[in-house]
Full PDB file with SEQRES, HELIX, SHEET, SSBOND, CRYST1, ORIGX, SCALE, CONECT and MASTER records, all heavy atoms in Angstrom:
SEQRES   1 A   36  ASP ARG PHE GLY ASN LYS VAL TYR GLU LYS ALA GLN TYR          
SEQRES   2 A   36  ALA ASN ASP TRP ASP GLY THR SER SER PHE THR GLY ALA          
SEQRES   3 A   36  VAL LEU GLN ASP ASP THR TYR TYR TYR ILE                      
CRYST1    1.000    1.000    1.000  90.00  90.00  90.00 P 1           1          
ORIGX1      1.000000  0.000000  0.000000        0.00000                         
ORIGX2      0.000000  1.000000  0.000000        0.00000                         
ORIGX3      0.000000  0.000000  1.000000        0.00000                         
SCALE1      1.000000  0.000000  0.000000        0.00000                         
SCALE2      0.000000  1.000000  0.000000        0.00000                         
SCALE3      0.000000  0.000000  1.000000        0.00000                         
ATOM      1  N   ASP A   1      73.882 122.608-188.938  1.00  0.00           N  
ATOM      2  CA  ASP A   1      73.047 122.407-190.086  1.00  0.00           C  
ATOM      3  C   ASP A   1      72.673 123.846-190.677  1.00  0.00           C  
ATOM      4  O   ASP A   1      73.112 124.851-190.183  1.00  0.00           O  
ATOM      5  CB  ASP A   1      71.756 121.648-189.747  1.00  0.00           C  
ATOM      6  CG  ASP A   1      70.862 122.369-188.714  1.00  0.00           C  
ATOM      7  OD1 ASP A   1      70.986 123.524-188.510  1.00  0.00           O  
ATOM      8  OD2 ASP A   1      69.983 121.652-188.200  1.00  0.00           O  
ATOM      9  N   ARG A   2      71.887 123.838-191.681  1.00  0.00           N  
ATOM     10  CA  ARG A   2      71.604 125.052-192.405  1.00  0.00           C  
ATOM     11  C   ARG A   2      70.773 126.087-191.625  1.00  0.00           C  
ATOM     12  O   ARG A   2      70.743 127.263-191.831  1.00  0.00           O  
ATOM     13  CB  ARG A   2      70.801 124.810-193.691  1.00  0.00           C  
ATOM     14  CG  ARG A   2      69.448 124.322-193.489  1.00  0.00           C  
ATOM     15  CD  ARG A   2      68.635 124.301-194.738  1.00  0.00           C  
ATOM     16  NE  ARG A   2      68.798 123.033-195.501  1.00  0.00           N  
ATOM     17  CZ  ARG A   2      68.426 122.805-196.629  1.00  0.00           C  
ATOM     18  NH1 ARG A   2      67.648 123.669-197.220  1.00  0.00           N  
ATOM     19  NH2 ARG A   2      68.675 121.674-197.298  1.00  0.00           N  
ATOM     20  N   PHE A   3      70.251 125.559-190.532  1.00  0.00           N  
ATOM     21  CA  PHE A   3      69.403 126.542-189.583  1.00  0.00           C  
ATOM     22  C   PHE A   3      70.247 127.001-188.393  1.00  0.00           C  
ATOM     23  O   PHE A   3      69.798 127.691-187.569  1.00  0.00           O  
ATOM     24  CB  PHE A   3      68.174 125.745-189.107  1.00  0.00           C  
ATOM     25  CG  PHE A   3      67.337 125.185-190.129  1.00  0.00           C  
ATOM     26  CD1 PHE A   3      67.344 123.849-190.443  1.00  0.00           C  
ATOM     27  CD2 PHE A   3      66.598 126.089-191.003  1.00  0.00           C  
ATOM     28  CE1 PHE A   3      66.537 123.296-191.489  1.00  0.00           C  
ATOM     29  CE2 PHE A   3      65.885 125.512-192.087  1.00  0.00           C  
ATOM     30  CZ  PHE A   3      65.809 124.239-192.276  1.00  0.00           C  
ATOM     31  N   GLY A   4      71.530 126.628-188.386  1.00  0.00           N  
ATOM     32  CA  GLY A   4      72.414 127.136-187.316  1.00  0.00           C  
ATOM     33  C   GLY A   4      72.390 126.204-186.073  1.00  0.00           C  
ATOM     34  O   GLY A   4      72.985 126.447-185.051  1.00  0.00           O  
ATOM     35  N   ASN A   5      71.828 125.038-186.162  1.00  0.00           N  
ATOM     36  CA  ASN A   5      71.674 124.095-185.040  1.00  0.00           C  
ATOM     37  C   ASN A   5      72.966 123.294-185.003  1.00  0.00           C  
ATOM     38  O   ASN A   5      73.356 122.670-186.055  1.00  0.00           O  
ATOM     39  CB  ASN A   5      70.483 123.177-185.185  1.00  0.00           C  
ATOM     40  CG  ASN A   5      69.254 123.962-185.151  1.00  0.00           C  
ATOM     41  OD1 ASN A   5      68.961 124.794-184.394  1.00  0.00           O  
ATOM     42  ND2 ASN A   5      68.323 123.601-186.102  1.00  0.00           N  
ATOM     43  N   LYS A   6      73.609 123.152-183.885  1.00  0.00           N  
ATOM     44  CA  LYS A   6      74.784 122.293-183.804  1.00  0.00           C  
ATOM     45  C   LYS A   6      74.353 120.855-183.832  1.00  0.00           C  
ATOM     46  O   LYS A   6      73.521 120.418-182.989  1.00  0.00           O  
ATOM     47  CB  LYS A   6      75.593 122.609-182.481  1.00  0.00           C  
ATOM     48  CG  LYS A   6      76.945 121.913-182.507  1.00  0.00           C  
ATOM     49  CD  LYS A   6      77.711 122.090-181.172  1.00  0.00           C  
ATOM     50  CE  LYS A   6      78.118 123.561-180.992  1.00  0.00           C  
ATOM     51  NZ  LYS A   6      78.980 123.742-179.836  1.00  0.00           N  
ATOM     52  N   VAL A   7      74.908 120.087-184.824  1.00  0.00           N  
ATOM     53  CA  VAL A   7      74.500 118.685-184.892  1.00  0.00           C  
ATOM     54  C   VAL A   7      75.654 117.671-184.517  1.00  0.00           C  
ATOM     55  O   VAL A   7      75.418 116.525-184.367  1.00  0.00           O  
ATOM     56  CB  VAL A   7      73.994 118.434-186.271  1.00  0.00           C  
ATOM     57  CG1 VAL A   7      72.706 119.123-186.549  1.00  0.00           C  
ATOM     58  CG2 VAL A   7      75.032 118.643-187.383  1.00  0.00           C  
ATOM     59  N   TYR A   8      76.809 118.211-184.458  1.00  0.00           N  
ATOM     60  CA  TYR A   8      77.960 117.397-184.111  1.00  0.00           C  
ATOM     61  C   TYR A   8      79.037 118.250-183.406  1.00  0.00           C  
ATOM     62  O   TYR A   8      79.338 119.293-183.767  1.00  0.00           O  
ATOM     63  CB  TYR A   8      78.580 116.744-185.356  1.00  0.00           C  
ATOM     64  CG  TYR A   8      79.738 115.804-185.147  1.00  0.00           C  
ATOM     65  CD1 TYR A   8      79.422 114.459-184.849  1.00  0.00           C  
ATOM     66  CD2 TYR A   8      81.012 116.213-185.118  1.00  0.00           C  
ATOM     67  CE1 TYR A   8      80.506 113.625-184.510  1.00  0.00           C  
ATOM     68  CE2 TYR A   8      82.087 115.306-184.875  1.00  0.00           C  
ATOM     69  CZ  TYR A   8      81.790 114.041-184.575  1.00  0.00           C  
ATOM     70  OH  TYR A   8      82.803 113.205-184.288  1.00  0.00           O  
ATOM     71  N   GLU A   9      79.688 117.628-182.382  1.00  0.00           N  
ATOM     72  CA  GLU A   9      80.795 118.250-181.747  1.00  0.00           C  
ATOM     73  C   GLU A   9      81.676 117.162-181.123  1.00  0.00           C  
ATOM     74  O   GLU A   9      81.191 116.218-180.566  1.00  0.00           O  
ATOM     75  CB  GLU A   9      80.339 119.185-180.598  1.00  0.00           C  
ATOM     76  CG  GLU A   9      81.424 119.924-179.866  1.00  0.00           C  
ATOM     77  CD  GLU A   9      80.845 120.873-178.823  1.00  0.00           C  
ATOM     78  OE1 GLU A   9      79.930 120.445-178.048  1.00  0.00           O  
ATOM     79  OE2 GLU A   9      81.295 121.948-178.720  1.00  0.00           O  
ATOM     80  N   LYS A  10      83.026 117.411-181.393  1.00  0.00           N  
ATOM     81  CA  LYS A  10      83.949 116.452-180.754  1.00  0.00           C  
ATOM     82  C   LYS A  10      85.282 117.118-180.557  1.00  0.00           C  
ATOM     83  O   LYS A  10      85.854 117.668-181.588  1.00  0.00           O  
ATOM     84  CB  LYS A  10      84.146 115.229-181.670  1.00  0.00           C  
ATOM     85  CG  LYS A  10      84.994 114.159-181.006  1.00  0.00           C  
ATOM     86  CD  LYS A  10      84.887 112.800-181.642  1.00  0.00           C  
ATOM     87  CE  LYS A  10      85.757 111.860-180.788  1.00  0.00           C  
ATOM     88  NZ  LYS A  10      85.827 110.552-181.573  1.00  0.00           N  
ATOM     89  N   ALA A  11      85.718 117.030-179.342  1.00  0.00           N  
ATOM     90  CA  ALA A  11      87.113 117.536-179.039  1.00  0.00           C  
ATOM     91  C   ALA A  11      88.031 116.314-179.310  1.00  0.00           C  
ATOM     92  O   ALA A  11      87.574 115.193-179.288  1.00  0.00           O  
ATOM     93  CB  ALA A  11      87.209 117.873-177.551  1.00  0.00           C  
ATOM     94  N   GLN A  12      89.259 116.725-179.594  1.00  0.00           N  
ATOM     95  CA  GLN A  12      90.246 115.724-180.074  1.00  0.00           C  
ATOM     96  C   GLN A  12      89.735 114.817-181.183  1.00  0.00           C  
ATOM     97  O   GLN A  12      89.746 113.642-181.085  1.00  0.00           O  
ATOM     98  CB  GLN A  12      90.778 114.827-178.847  1.00  0.00           C  
ATOM     99  CG  GLN A  12      91.330 115.661-177.713  1.00  0.00           C  
ATOM    100  CD  GLN A  12      92.424 116.618-178.244  1.00  0.00           C  
ATOM    101  OE1 GLN A  12      92.331 117.795-178.178  1.00  0.00           O  
ATOM    102  NE2 GLN A  12      93.560 115.977-178.729  1.00  0.00           N  
ATOM    103  N   TYR A  13      89.235 115.512-182.214  1.00  0.00           N  
ATOM    104  CA  TYR A  13      88.654 114.782-183.322  1.00  0.00           C  
ATOM    105  C   TYR A  13      89.631 113.804-183.958  1.00  0.00           C  
ATOM    106  O   TYR A  13      90.745 114.123-184.124  1.00  0.00           O  
ATOM    107  CB  TYR A  13      88.226 115.798-184.439  1.00  0.00           C  
ATOM    108  CG  TYR A  13      87.563 115.158-185.611  1.00  0.00           C  
ATOM    109  CD1 TYR A  13      86.313 114.486-185.426  1.00  0.00           C  
ATOM    110  CD2 TYR A  13      88.143 115.166-186.800  1.00  0.00           C  
ATOM    111  CE1 TYR A  13      85.734 113.818-186.457  1.00  0.00           C  
ATOM    112  CE2 TYR A  13      87.533 114.452-187.891  1.00  0.00           C  
ATOM    113  CZ  TYR A  13      86.365 113.843-187.748  1.00  0.00           C  
ATOM    114  OH  TYR A  13      85.762 113.161-188.817  1.00  0.00           O  
ATOM    115  N   ALA A  14      89.143 112.575-184.248  1.00  0.00           N  
ATOM    116  CA  ALA A  14      90.033 111.514-184.653  1.00  0.00           C  
ATOM    117  C   ALA A  14      89.616 110.961-185.996  1.00  0.00           C  
ATOM    118  O   ALA A  14      89.728 109.697-186.180  1.00  0.00           O  
ATOM    119  CB  ALA A  14      90.061 110.380-183.606  1.00  0.00           C  
ATOM    120  N   ASN A  15      89.082 111.759-186.952  1.00  0.00           N  
ATOM    121  CA  ASN A  15      88.749 111.325-188.300  1.00  0.00           C  
ATOM    122  C   ASN A  15      87.689 110.180-188.216  1.00  0.00           C  
ATOM    123  O   ASN A  15      87.714 109.265-188.991  1.00  0.00           O  
ATOM    124  CB  ASN A  15      89.898 110.864-189.011  1.00  0.00           C  
ATOM    125  CG  ASN A  15      90.800 112.065-189.478  1.00  0.00           C  
ATOM    126  OD1 ASN A  15      90.273 113.142-189.677  1.00  0.00           O  
ATOM    127  ND2 ASN A  15      92.045 111.853-189.541  1.00  0.00           N  
ATOM    128  N   ASP A  16      86.712 110.370-187.288  1.00  0.00           N  
ATOM    129  CA  ASP A  16      85.713 109.237-187.117  1.00  0.00           C  
ATOM    130  C   ASP A  16      84.232 109.693-187.300  1.00  0.00           C  
ATOM    131  O   ASP A  16      83.338 108.953-186.912  1.00  0.00           O  
ATOM    132  CB  ASP A  16      85.968 108.601-185.762  1.00  0.00           C  
ATOM    133  CG  ASP A  16      85.909 109.601-184.575  1.00  0.00           C  
ATOM    134  OD1 ASP A  16      85.697 110.769-184.834  1.00  0.00           O  
ATOM    135  OD2 ASP A  16      86.056 109.154-183.459  1.00  0.00           O  
ATOM    136  N   TRP A  17      83.994 110.924-187.797  1.00  0.00           N  
ATOM    137  CA  TRP A  17      82.555 111.265-188.011  1.00  0.00           C  
ATOM    138  C   TRP A  17      82.038 110.541-189.245  1.00  0.00           C  
ATOM    139  O   TRP A  17      82.548 110.531-190.264  1.00  0.00           O  
ATOM    140  CB  TRP A  17      82.479 112.791-188.134  1.00  0.00           C  
ATOM    141  CG  TRP A  17      81.066 113.257-188.343  1.00  0.00           C  
ATOM    142  CD1 TRP A  17      79.965 112.878-187.466  1.00  0.00           C  
ATOM    143  CD2 TRP A  17      80.604 114.284-189.162  1.00  0.00           C  
ATOM    144  NE1 TRP A  17      78.852 113.571-188.053  1.00  0.00           N  
ATOM    145  CE2 TRP A  17      79.176 114.420-188.988  1.00  0.00           C  
ATOM    146  CE3 TRP A  17      81.191 115.047-190.179  1.00  0.00           C  
ATOM    147  CZ2 TRP A  17      78.385 115.382-189.674  1.00  0.00           C  
ATOM    148  CZ3 TRP A  17      80.380 115.991-190.863  1.00  0.00           C  
ATOM    149  CH2 TRP A  17      78.999 116.107-190.584  1.00  0.00           C  
ATOM    150  N   ASP A  18      80.857 109.911-188.969  1.00  0.00           N  
ATOM    151  CA  ASP A  18      80.213 109.185-190.026  1.00  0.00           C  
ATOM    152  C   ASP A  18      78.907 109.699-190.582  1.00  0.00           C  
ATOM    153  O   ASP A  18      78.106 108.996-191.156  1.00  0.00           O  
ATOM    154  CB  ASP A  18      79.905 107.661-189.568  1.00  0.00           C  
ATOM    155  CG  ASP A  18      78.990 107.626-188.338  1.00  0.00           C  
ATOM    156  OD1 ASP A  18      78.528 108.652-187.812  1.00  0.00           O  
ATOM    157  OD2 ASP A  18      78.764 106.458-188.005  1.00  0.00           O  
ATOM    158  N   GLY A  19      78.693 110.977-190.304  1.00  0.00           N  
ATOM    159  CA  GLY A  19      77.511 111.707-190.678  1.00  0.00           C  
ATOM    160  C   GLY A  19      76.328 111.521-189.786  1.00  0.00           C  
ATOM    161  O   GLY A  19      75.153 111.770-190.198  1.00  0.00           O  
ATOM    162  N   THR A  20      76.504 111.156-188.594  1.00  0.00           N  
ATOM    163  CA  THR A  20      75.405 111.091-187.587  1.00  0.00           C  
ATOM    164  C   THR A  20      75.576 112.178-186.632  1.00  0.00           C  
ATOM    165  O   THR A  20      76.694 112.709-186.346  1.00  0.00           O  
ATOM    166  CB  THR A  20      75.409 109.632-186.914  1.00  0.00           C  
ATOM    167  OG1 THR A  20      76.590 109.507-186.240  1.00  0.00           O  
ATOM    168  CG2 THR A  20      75.132 108.612-187.841  1.00  0.00           C  
ATOM    169  N   SER A  21      74.515 112.567-185.869  1.00  0.00           N  
ATOM    170  CA  SER A  21      74.510 113.578-184.912  1.00  0.00           C  
ATOM    171  C   SER A  21      75.242 113.020-183.669  1.00  0.00           C  
ATOM    172  O   SER A  21      74.915 111.941-183.168  1.00  0.00           O  
ATOM    173  CB  SER A  21      73.127 114.023-184.566  1.00  0.00           C  
ATOM    174  OG  SER A  21      73.130 114.891-183.407  1.00  0.00           O  
ATOM    175  N   SER A  22      76.174 113.781-183.102  1.00  0.00           N  
ATOM    176  CA  SER A  22      76.751 113.351-181.734  1.00  0.00           C  
ATOM    177  C   SER A  22      75.856 113.609-180.645  1.00  0.00           C  
ATOM    178  O   SER A  22      76.117 113.124-179.561  1.00  0.00           O  
ATOM    179  CB  SER A  22      78.069 114.150-181.585  1.00  0.00           C  
ATOM    180  OG  SER A  22      77.855 115.405-181.365  1.00  0.00           O  
ATOM    181  N   PHE A  23      74.710 114.240-180.810  1.00  0.00           N  
ATOM    182  CA  PHE A  23      73.752 114.594-179.828  1.00  0.00           C  
ATOM    183  C   PHE A  23      72.635 113.624-179.682  1.00  0.00           C  
ATOM    184  O   PHE A  23      72.198 113.170-178.707  1.00  0.00           O  
ATOM    185  CB  PHE A  23      73.256 115.983-179.888  1.00  0.00           C  
ATOM    186  CG  PHE A  23      74.328 117.057-179.893  1.00  0.00           C  
ATOM    187  CD1 PHE A  23      74.735 117.689-181.034  1.00  0.00           C  
ATOM    188  CD2 PHE A  23      75.011 117.346-178.733  1.00  0.00           C  
ATOM    189  CE1 PHE A  23      75.741 118.639-180.992  1.00  0.00           C  
ATOM    190  CE2 PHE A  23      76.038 118.241-178.692  1.00  0.00           C  
ATOM    191  CZ  PHE A  23      76.389 118.902-179.849  1.00  0.00           C  
ATOM    192  N   THR A  24      72.091 113.246-180.854  1.00  0.00           N  
ATOM    193  CA  THR A  24      70.925 112.334-180.951  1.00  0.00           C  
ATOM    194  C   THR A  24      71.253 111.027-181.558  1.00  0.00           C  
ATOM    195  O   THR A  24      70.512 109.998-181.440  1.00  0.00           O  
ATOM    196  CB  THR A  24      69.824 112.898-181.844  1.00  0.00           C  
ATOM    197  OG1 THR A  24      70.246 113.017-183.155  1.00  0.00           O  
ATOM    198  CG2 THR A  24      69.417 114.349-181.241  1.00  0.00           C  
ATOM    199  N   GLY A  25      72.395 110.869-182.234  1.00  0.00           N  
ATOM    200  CA  GLY A  25      72.745 109.528-182.912  1.00  0.00           C  
ATOM    201  C   GLY A  25      71.994 109.357-184.174  1.00  0.00           C  
ATOM    202  O   GLY A  25      72.148 108.427-184.892  1.00  0.00           O  
ATOM    203  N   ALA A  26      71.145 110.306-184.598  1.00  0.00           N  
ATOM    204  CA  ALA A  26      70.380 110.261-185.841  1.00  0.00           C  
ATOM    205  C   ALA A  26      71.324 110.466-187.065  1.00  0.00           C  
ATOM    206  O   ALA A  26      72.249 111.280-187.014  1.00  0.00           O  
ATOM    207  CB  ALA A  26      69.315 111.365-185.813  1.00  0.00           C  
ATOM    208  N   VAL A  27      70.968 109.760-188.143  1.00  0.00           N  
ATOM    209  CA  VAL A  27      71.684 109.909-189.385  1.00  0.00           C  
ATOM    210  C   VAL A  27      71.258 111.317-189.965  1.00  0.00           C  
ATOM    211  O   VAL A  27      70.173 111.495-190.073  1.00  0.00           O  
ATOM    212  CB  VAL A  27      71.325 108.715-190.355  1.00  0.00           C  
ATOM    213  CG1 VAL A  27      71.920 108.946-191.738  1.00  0.00           C  
ATOM    214  CG2 VAL A  27      71.833 107.418-189.788  1.00  0.00           C  
ATOM    215  N   LEU A  28      72.284 112.076-190.284  1.00  0.00           N  
ATOM    216  CA  LEU A  28      72.012 113.409-190.911  1.00  0.00           C  
ATOM    217  C   LEU A  28      71.594 113.293-192.341  1.00  0.00           C  
ATOM    218  O   LEU A  28      72.136 112.406-193.036  1.00  0.00           O  
ATOM    219  CB  LEU A  28      73.255 114.318-190.640  1.00  0.00           C  
ATOM    220  CG  LEU A  28      73.601 114.551-189.212  1.00  0.00           C  
ATOM    221  CD1 LEU A  28      74.851 115.394-189.132  1.00  0.00           C  
ATOM    222  CD2 LEU A  28      72.487 115.247-188.435  1.00  0.00           C  
ATOM    223  N   GLN A  29      70.764 114.143-192.788  1.00  0.00           N  
ATOM    224  CA  GLN A  29      70.367 114.158-194.126  1.00  0.00           C  
ATOM    225  C   GLN A  29      71.454 114.555-195.077  1.00  0.00           C  
ATOM    226  O   GLN A  29      72.397 115.268-194.708  1.00  0.00           O  
ATOM    227  CB  GLN A  29      69.267 115.236-194.321  1.00  0.00           C  
ATOM    228  CG  GLN A  29      67.962 114.963-193.586  1.00  0.00           C  
ATOM    229  CD  GLN A  29      66.951 116.068-193.898  1.00  0.00           C  
ATOM    230  OE1 GLN A  29      66.903 116.566-194.954  1.00  0.00           O  
ATOM    231  NE2 GLN A  29      66.197 116.530-192.878  1.00  0.00           N  
ATOM    232  N   ASP A  30      71.341 114.120-196.339  1.00  0.00           N  
ATOM    233  CA  ASP A  30      72.277 114.578-197.313  1.00  0.00           C  
ATOM    234  C   ASP A  30      72.005 116.081-197.513  1.00  0.00           C  
ATOM    235  O   ASP A  30      70.951 116.511-197.818  1.00  0.00           O  
ATOM    236  CB  ASP A  30      71.983 113.844-198.713  1.00  0.00           C  
ATOM    237  CG  ASP A  30      72.386 112.404-198.724  1.00  0.00           C  
ATOM    238  OD1 ASP A  30      72.796 111.886-197.668  1.00  0.00           O  
ATOM    239  OD2 ASP A  30      72.394 111.808-199.706  1.00  0.00           O  
ATOM    240  N   ASP A  31      73.047 116.874-197.212  1.00  0.00           N  
ATOM    241  CA  ASP A  31      72.897 118.262-197.301  1.00  0.00           C  
ATOM    242  C   ASP A  31      74.350 118.898-197.067  1.00  0.00           C  
ATOM    243  O   ASP A  31      75.314 118.244-196.894  1.00  0.00           O  
ATOM    244  CB  ASP A  31      71.938 118.720-196.156  1.00  0.00           C  
ATOM    245  CG  ASP A  31      71.328 120.035-196.436  1.00  0.00           C  
ATOM    246  OD1 ASP A  31      71.669 120.745-197.378  1.00  0.00           O  
ATOM    247  OD2 ASP A  31      70.266 120.382-195.759  1.00  0.00           O  
ATOM    248  N   THR A  32      74.272 120.261-197.149  1.00  0.00           N  
ATOM    249  CA  THR A  32      75.576 120.976-196.887  1.00  0.00           C  
ATOM    250  C   THR A  32      75.463 121.430-195.382  1.00  0.00           C  
ATOM    251  O   THR A  32      74.482 121.951-194.949  1.00  0.00           O  
ATOM    252  CB  THR A  32      75.590 122.211-197.833  1.00  0.00           C  
ATOM    253  OG1 THR A  32      75.621 121.685-199.182  1.00  0.00           O  
ATOM    254  CG2 THR A  32      76.925 122.999-197.529  1.00  0.00           C  
ATOM    255  N   TYR A  33      76.595 121.300-194.709  1.00  0.00           N  
ATOM    256  CA  TYR A  33      76.753 121.631-193.313  1.00  0.00           C  
ATOM    257  C   TYR A  33      77.977 122.579-193.183  1.00  0.00           C  
ATOM    258  O   TYR A  33      78.872 122.553-193.996  1.00  0.00           O  
ATOM    259  CB  TYR A  33      76.945 120.328-192.459  1.00  0.00           C  
ATOM    260  CG  TYR A  33      75.738 119.467-192.509  1.00  0.00           C  
ATOM    261  CD1 TYR A  33      75.555 118.582-193.441  1.00  0.00           C  
ATOM    262  CD2 TYR A  33      74.761 119.629-191.476  1.00  0.00           C  
ATOM    263  CE1 TYR A  33      74.481 117.735-193.483  1.00  0.00           C  
ATOM    264  CE2 TYR A  33      73.636 118.810-191.506  1.00  0.00           C  
ATOM    265  CZ  TYR A  33      73.488 117.895-192.535  1.00  0.00           C  
ATOM    266  OH  TYR A  33      72.379 117.073-192.501  1.00  0.00           O  
ATOM    267  N   TYR A  34      77.864 123.439-192.048  1.00  0.00           N  
ATOM    268  CA  TYR A  34      78.852 124.403-191.847  1.00  0.00           C  
ATOM    269  C   TYR A  34      79.746 123.815-190.728  1.00  0.00           C  
ATOM    270  O   TYR A  34      79.293 123.275-189.832  1.00  0.00           O  
ATOM    271  CB  TYR A  34      78.218 125.724-191.411  1.00  0.00           C  
ATOM    272  CG  TYR A  34      79.178 126.766-191.083  1.00  0.00           C  
ATOM    273  CD1 TYR A  34      79.857 127.513-192.065  1.00  0.00           C  
ATOM    274  CD2 TYR A  34      79.494 127.158-189.689  1.00  0.00           C  
ATOM    275  CE1 TYR A  34      80.816 128.454-191.726  1.00  0.00           C  
ATOM    276  CE2 TYR A  34      80.348 128.191-189.397  1.00  0.00           C  
ATOM    277  CZ  TYR A  34      81.012 128.795-190.445  1.00  0.00           C  
ATOM    278  OH  TYR A  34      81.912 129.876-190.112  1.00  0.00           O  
ATOM    279  N   TYR A  35      81.048 123.848-190.933  1.00  0.00           N  
ATOM    280  CA  TYR A  35      81.938 123.355-189.909  1.00  0.00           C  
ATOM    281  C   TYR A  35      82.884 124.488-189.437  1.00  0.00           C  
ATOM    282  O   TYR A  35      83.117 125.438-190.057  1.00  0.00           O  
ATOM    283  CB  TYR A  35      82.873 122.258-190.464  1.00  0.00           C  
ATOM    284  CG  TYR A  35      83.960 122.719-191.395  1.00  0.00           C  
ATOM    285  CD1 TYR A  35      85.226 123.202-190.971  1.00  0.00           C  
ATOM    286  CD2 TYR A  35      83.787 122.611-192.770  1.00  0.00           C  
ATOM    287  CE1 TYR A  35      86.130 123.691-191.793  1.00  0.00           C  
ATOM    288  CE2 TYR A  35      84.807 122.967-193.659  1.00  0.00           C  
ATOM    289  CZ  TYR A  35      85.920 123.474-193.201  1.00  0.00           C  
ATOM    290  OH  TYR A  35      86.945 123.974-194.043  1.00  0.00           O  
ATOM    291  N   ILE A  36      83.242 124.278-188.085  1.00  0.00           N  
ATOM    292  CA  ILE A  36      84.248 125.161-187.478  1.00  0.00           C  
ATOM    293  C   ILE A  36      85.285 124.117-186.898  1.00  0.00           C  
ATOM    294  O   ILE A  36      84.845 123.244-186.061  1.00  0.00           O  
ATOM    295  CB  ILE A  36      83.677 125.937-186.384  1.00  0.00           C  
ATOM    296  CG1 ILE A  36      82.635 126.946-186.941  1.00  0.00           C  
ATOM    297  CG2 ILE A  36      84.800 126.748-185.697  1.00  0.00           C  
ATOM    298  CD1 ILE A  36      81.915 127.761-185.841  1.00  0.00           C  
TER     299      ILE A  36                                                      
MASTER        0    0    0    0    0    0    0    6  298    1    0    3          
END                                                                             
């Protein structure tokens, strides 16, 4: 997120991220996120 907090992580990514956090399951806000 914009504060540098990791909100999602997945090894062997399979085109299945739906905008929720992989850590909490919470729906992420409409916003800009940084990806690696």
